[in-house]
């Protein structure tokens, strides 16, 4: 009887293992199929990896933040869009210039798929301690948001900062836009759109009222000419995911906006 019980137990275990193996195979097949019809599976993997790195980098800077910096968190800059919020960081000491401090509006990176203002808090507080008002907007991420919505939101954030410059202690004649990676691309495109109406029309955005003249741009490691991407290279698959997600179409190569 003991032998018979062991045999029955072995058959049950075999069925369980077969079910697990079948389920894992089905998940792999579904994942492979999903990658061909939607950018979401690959985009979420990129988001998980990049967000983990962003949080780690932010945590590593915690001990380097000087004292004497205060922050305003989650101020809406578009009331009808939940993601459209920004943080403001500035020194607690009075500004030397009665017109206010220069402002740096910094757009976070993350390949348009990930990242947030929260992952830059400590770096931007370090920057603010040097005498700046540093503004960090969030914007919609792909694949949930498609181009040029993030650019529209970036323009709205800059216009909001200019309208509220006195309250935020900002000199409106000294506003800079900045960013890293995807944020650098946003900042550069924003600056061009601001001064080139024909380009704004080609991109498909309207300039919000109150958009100020910009004093300058600060760009770190941004992609500025997507026509130069080597899709057969080591990062080709990654860039396929990014651009499919950002432009909202599998055949993004045929999108005329890719070259704008």
Protein backbone atom coordinates (compact mmCIF):
# COMPACT_ATOMS: atom_id res chain seq x y z
CA UNK A 1 0.00 0.00 0.00
CA UNK A 2 2.88 2.37 0.76
CA UNK A 3 4.31 1.73 -2.68
CA UNK A 4 0.91 2.39 -4.29
CA UNK A 5 0.58 5.66 -2.35
CA UNK A 6 4.01 6.76 -3.48
CA UNK A 7 3.05 6.01 -7.08
CA UNK A 8 -0.15 8.04 -6.81
CA UNK A 9 1.80 10.89 -5.18
CA UNK A 10 4.37 10.73 -7.94
CA UNK A 11 1.65 10.91 -10.62
CA UNK A 12 0.05 13.92 -8.89
CA UNK A 13 3.43 15.65 -8.66
CA UNK A 14 4.05 14.90 -12.32
CA UNK A 15 0.70 16.43 -13.27
CA UNK A 16 1.44 19.53 -11.19
CA UNK A 17 4.87 19.94 -12.76
CA UNK A 18 3.41 19.42 -16.22
CA UNK A 19 0.75 22.06 -15.50
CA UNK A 20 3.41 24.51 -14.29
CA UNK A 21 5.58 23.87 -17.33
CA UNK A 22 2.59 24.26 -19.64
CA UNK A 23 1.58 27.50 -17.95
CA UNK A 24 5.09 28.93 -18.20
CA UNK A 25 5.25 27.97 -21.87
CA UNK A 26 1.89 29.61 -22.47
CA UNK A 27 3.08 32.79 -20.75
CA UNK A 28 6.21 32.85 -22.90
CA UNK A 29 4.16 32.36 -26.06
CA UNK A 30 1.68 35.06 -25.03
CA UNK A 31 4.55 37.39 -24.23
CA UNK A 32 6.20 36.80 -27.60
CA UNK A 33 2.92 37.34 -29.42
CA UNK A 34 2.17 40.45 -27.37
CA UNK A 35 5.54 41.94 -28.30
CA UNK A 36 4.55 41.73 -31.95
CA UNK A 37 1.21 43.50 -31.52
CA UNK A 38 1.93 45.95 -28.68
CA UNK A 39 4.96 47.76 -27.25
CA UNK A 40 3.65 47.42 -23.70
CA UNK A 41 5.48 44.21 -22.62
CA UNK A 42 8.91 45.49 -23.64
CA UNK A 43 8.12 49.03 -22.49
CA UNK A 44 7.19 47.84 -19.01
CA UNK A 45 10.43 45.90 -18.71
CA UNK A 46 12.39 49.03 -19.67
CA UNK A 47 10.35 51.07 -17.19
CA UNK A 48 11.04 48.65 -14.34
CA UNK A 49 14.78 48.63 -15.00
CA UNK A 50 15.12 52.39 -15.54
CA UNK A 51 12.97 53.31 -12.54
CA UNK A 52 15.03 51.05 -10.30
CA UNK A 53 18.19 52.81 -11.49
CA UNK A 54 16.61 56.23 -11.03
CA UNK A 55 15.59 55.51 -7.46
CA UNK A 56 19.04 54.12 -6.68
CA UNK A 57 20.77 57.22 -8.08
CA UNK A 58 18.47 59.53 -6.14
CA UNK A 59 19.06 57.63 -2.90
CA UNK A 60 22.83 57.80 -3.42
CA UNK A 61 22.66 61.62 -3.45
CA UNK A 62 20.62 61.96 -0.27
CA UNK A 63 23.62 62.66 1.96
CA UNK A 64 25.01 65.26 -0.44
CA UNK A 65 22.05 67.66 -0.29
CA UNK A 66 23.16 70.86 1.49
CA UNK A 67 20.99 72.33 4.24
CA UNK A 68 18.88 75.37 3.54
CA UNK A 69 16.78 74.18 0.60
CA UNK A 70 12.99 74.12 0.68
CA UNK A 71 10.54 72.52 -1.70
CA UNK A 72 7.01 72.87 -3.00
CA UNK A 73 5.71 69.48 -4.15
CA UNK A 74 3.02 68.45 -6.64
CA UNK A 75 1.80 71.83 -7.85
CA UNK A 76 -0.61 71.27 -10.78
CA UNK A 77 0.30 73.08 -13.99
CA UNK A 78 -2.64 71.67 -16.00
CA UNK A 79 -5.71 71.22 -13.82
CA UNK A 80 -7.40 68.64 -16.06
CA UNK A 81 -4.40 66.27 -16.36
CA UNK A 82 -3.49 64.32 -13.19
CA UNK A 83 0.10 63.70 -14.28
CA UNK A 84 0.73 67.40 -14.95
CA UNK A 85 2.33 68.36 -11.65
CA UNK A 86 5.65 69.95 -10.80
CA UNK A 87 8.00 70.37 -7.85
CA UNK A 88 9.86 73.59 -7.02
CA UNK A 89 13.13 73.74 -5.03
CA UNK A 90 14.85 76.95 -3.88
CA UNK A 91 17.27 78.23 -1.20
CA UNK A 92 15.77 79.39 2.08
CA UNK A 93 18.13 82.40 2.18
CA UNK A 94 16.74 85.61 0.67
CA UNK A 95 17.57 86.21 -2.98
CA UNK A 96 20.30 88.77 -3.59
CA UNK A 97 18.51 90.16 -6.65
CA UNK A 98 15.14 91.86 -5.93
CA UNK A 99 13.86 90.64 -9.32
CA UNK A 100 14.16 87.05 -8.13
CA UNK A 101 16.38 84.10 -8.87
CA UNK A 102 17.11 82.49 -12.23
CA UNK A 103 14.98 79.41 -12.82
CA UNK A 104 16.01 76.06 -14.27
CA UNK A 105 13.09 73.95 -15.46
CA UNK A 106 14.46 70.40 -15.59
CA UNK A 107 12.68 67.62 -17.50
CA UNK A 108 13.55 64.12 -16.31
CA UNK A 109 14.85 61.39 -18.59
CA UNK A 110 13.77 57.79 -18.96
CA UNK A 111 13.45 57.11 -22.72
CA UNK A 112 9.93 58.62 -22.65
CA UNK A 113 8.85 55.34 -21.02
CA UNK A 114 9.88 55.87 -17.41
CA UNK A 115 11.26 58.30 -14.87
CA UNK A 116 9.68 60.96 -12.70
CA UNK A 117 10.49 64.18 -10.91
CA UNK A 118 10.69 62.16 -7.69
CA UNK A 119 13.78 60.38 -9.01
CA UNK A 120 15.64 63.71 -9.37
CA UNK A 121 14.71 65.30 -6.05
CA UNK A 122 18.12 65.14 -4.41
CA UNK A 123 20.08 66.18 -7.51
CA UNK A 124 17.78 69.15 -8.07
CA UNK A 125 18.01 70.22 -4.43
CA UNK A 126 21.79 70.21 -4.76
CA UNK A 127 21.41 72.41 -7.83
CA UNK A 128 18.97 74.74 -6.07
CA UNK A 129 21.45 75.24 -3.23
CA UNK A 130 23.71 77.05 -5.73
CA UNK A 131 21.20 79.90 -5.92
CA UNK A 132 18.57 78.77 -8.40
CA UNK A 133 14.87 78.06 -8.34
CA UNK A 134 14.73 74.57 -9.84
CA UNK A 135 11.43 73.33 -11.25
CA UNK A 136 10.80 69.67 -12.08
CA UNK A 137 7.66 68.80 -14.06
CA UNK A 138 6.24 65.35 -14.59
CA UNK A 139 4.78 64.57 -18.01
CA UNK A 140 2.88 61.71 -19.61
CA UNK A 141 4.86 58.55 -20.35
CA UNK A 142 4.63 56.27 -23.37
CA UNK A 143 3.02 53.97 -24.40
CA UNK A 144 0.10 55.49 -22.48
CA UNK A 145 0.88 58.93 -23.92
CA UNK A 146 1.98 59.52 -27.50
CA UNK A 147 4.00 62.24 -29.18
CA UNK A 148 3.62 65.25 -29.07
CA UNK A 149 1.59 65.22 -25.84
CA UNK A 150 4.69 65.31 -23.61
CA UNK A 151 5.90 68.34 -25.56
CA UNK A 152 2.53 70.07 -25.10
CA UNK A 153 2.76 69.41 -21.38
CA UNK A 154 6.34 70.69 -21.25
CA UNK A 155 5.26 73.93 -22.93
CA UNK A 156 2.39 74.28 -20.46
CA UNK A 157 4.76 73.76 -17.52
CA UNK A 158 7.07 76.54 -18.72
CA UNK A 159 4.13 78.91 -19.28
CA UNK A 160 2.84 78.09 -15.77
CA UNK A 161 6.21 78.91 -14.23
CA UNK A 162 6.35 82.24 -16.07
CA UNK A 163 2.82 83.20 -14.97
CA UNK A 164 3.65 82.42 -11.35
CA UNK A 165 7.21 83.76 -11.38
CA UNK A 166 6.66 86.43 -8.66
CA UNK A 167 5.07 83.92 -6.27
CA UNK A 168 7.87 81.42 -6.90
CA UNK A 169 10.63 84.00 -6.47
CA UNK A 170 11.71 83.72 -10.11
CA UNK A 171 13.10 86.41 -12.38
CA UNK A 172 11.00 85.79 -15.53
CA UNK A 173 13.77 87.17 -17.75
CA UNK A 174 16.11 84.39 -16.59
CA UNK A 175 14.30 81.13 -17.30
CA UNK A 176 16.32 78.18 -18.59
CA UNK A 177 15.02 74.80 -19.76
CA UNK A 178 17.09 71.71 -19.12
CA UNK A 179 16.91 67.95 -19.08
CA UNK A 180 18.69 64.64 -19.24
CA UNK A 181 18.22 61.95 -21.89
CA UNK A 182 14.59 62.11 -23.08
CA UNK A 183 14.21 65.26 -20.99
CA UNK A 184 17.06 66.88 -22.93
CA UNK A 185 15.25 66.09 -26.18
CA UNK A 186 12.07 67.66 -24.78
CA UNK A 187 13.93 70.78 -23.63
CA UNK A 188 15.69 71.21 -27.00
CA UNK A 189 12.50 70.73 -28.99
CA UNK A 190 10.62 73.08 -26.69
CA UNK A 191 13.22 75.81 -27.27
CA UNK A 192 12.96 75.42 -31.05
CA UNK A 193 9.15 75.37 -31.00
CA UNK A 194 9.16 78.53 -28.87
CA UNK A 195 11.00 80.52 -31.55
CA UNK A 196 9.90 78.86 -34.80
CA UNK A 197 6.13 78.96 -35.55
CA UNK A 198 6.58 76.91 -38.74
CA UNK A 199 8.31 74.18 -36.77
CA UNK A 200 5.54 74.26 -34.14
CA UNK A 201 2.97 73.69 -36.90
CA UNK A 202 5.01 70.83 -38.36
CA UNK A 203 5.24 69.19 -34.95
CA UNK A 204 1.54 69.75 -34.27
CA UNK A 205 1.58 71.88 -31.12
CA UNK A 206 0.12 75.26 -30.23
CA UNK A 207 2.06 77.64 -28.04
CA UNK A 208 0.28 78.31 -24.74
CA UNK A 209 -0.38 81.92 -23.76
CA UNK A 210 2.28 83.51 -21.59
CA UNK A 211 5.15 81.36 -22.87
CA UNK A 212 8.28 83.35 -21.97
CA UNK A 213 11.44 83.95 -23.93
CA UNK A 214 14.09 81.50 -22.77
CA UNK A 215 17.50 82.58 -21.51
CA UNK A 216 19.12 79.30 -22.53
CA UNK A 217 19.08 75.52 -22.54
CA UNK A 218 21.06 72.93 -20.58
CA UNK A 219 21.07 69.57 -22.38
CA UNK A 220 22.59 66.36 -21.07
CA UNK A 221 22.84 63.18 -23.14
CA UNK A 222 19.72 63.70 -25.25
CA UNK A 223 18.77 62.10 -28.58
CA UNK A 224 18.41 64.98 -31.03
CA UNK A 225 18.32 63.36 -34.50
CA UNK A 226 16.38 60.10 -34.59
CA UNK A 227 17.35 59.57 -38.20
CA UNK A 228 20.82 58.63 -36.95
CA UNK A 229 19.60 55.68 -34.87
CA UNK A 230 21.20 52.37 -35.89
CA UNK A 231 18.32 49.93 -35.60
CA UNK A 232 20.62 47.04 -36.54
CA UNK A 233 23.06 47.85 -33.73
CA UNK A 234 23.26 46.70 -30.15
CA UNK A 235 20.49 49.06 -29.00
CA UNK A 236 18.27 48.62 -32.04
CA UNK A 237 15.63 46.56 -30.27
CA UNK A 238 15.52 49.03 -27.39
CA UNK A 239 15.05 51.97 -29.75
CA UNK A 240 12.32 50.09 -31.63
CA UNK A 241 10.43 49.75 -28.35
CA UNK A 242 10.99 53.41 -27.44
CA UNK A 243 9.86 54.87 -30.75
CA UNK A 244 6.96 52.47 -31.25
CA UNK A 245 5.77 53.45 -27.78
CA UNK A 246 6.37 57.18 -28.22
CA UNK A 247 4.86 57.58 -31.69
CA UNK A 248 2.05 55.09 -31.06
CA UNK A 249 2.51 53.12 -34.27
CA UNK A 250 4.45 50.00 -35.16
CA UNK A 251 5.60 51.53 -38.46
CA UNK A 252 7.04 54.64 -36.82
CA UNK A 253 9.70 54.69 -39.57
CA UNK A 254 6.98 55.95 -41.92
CA UNK A 255 5.88 58.73 -39.58
CA UNK A 256 6.98 62.05 -41.12
CA UNK A 257 7.32 63.56 -37.65
CA UNK A 258 10.33 61.29 -37.02
CA UNK A 259 12.49 63.71 -38.99
CA UNK A 260 11.15 66.93 -37.42
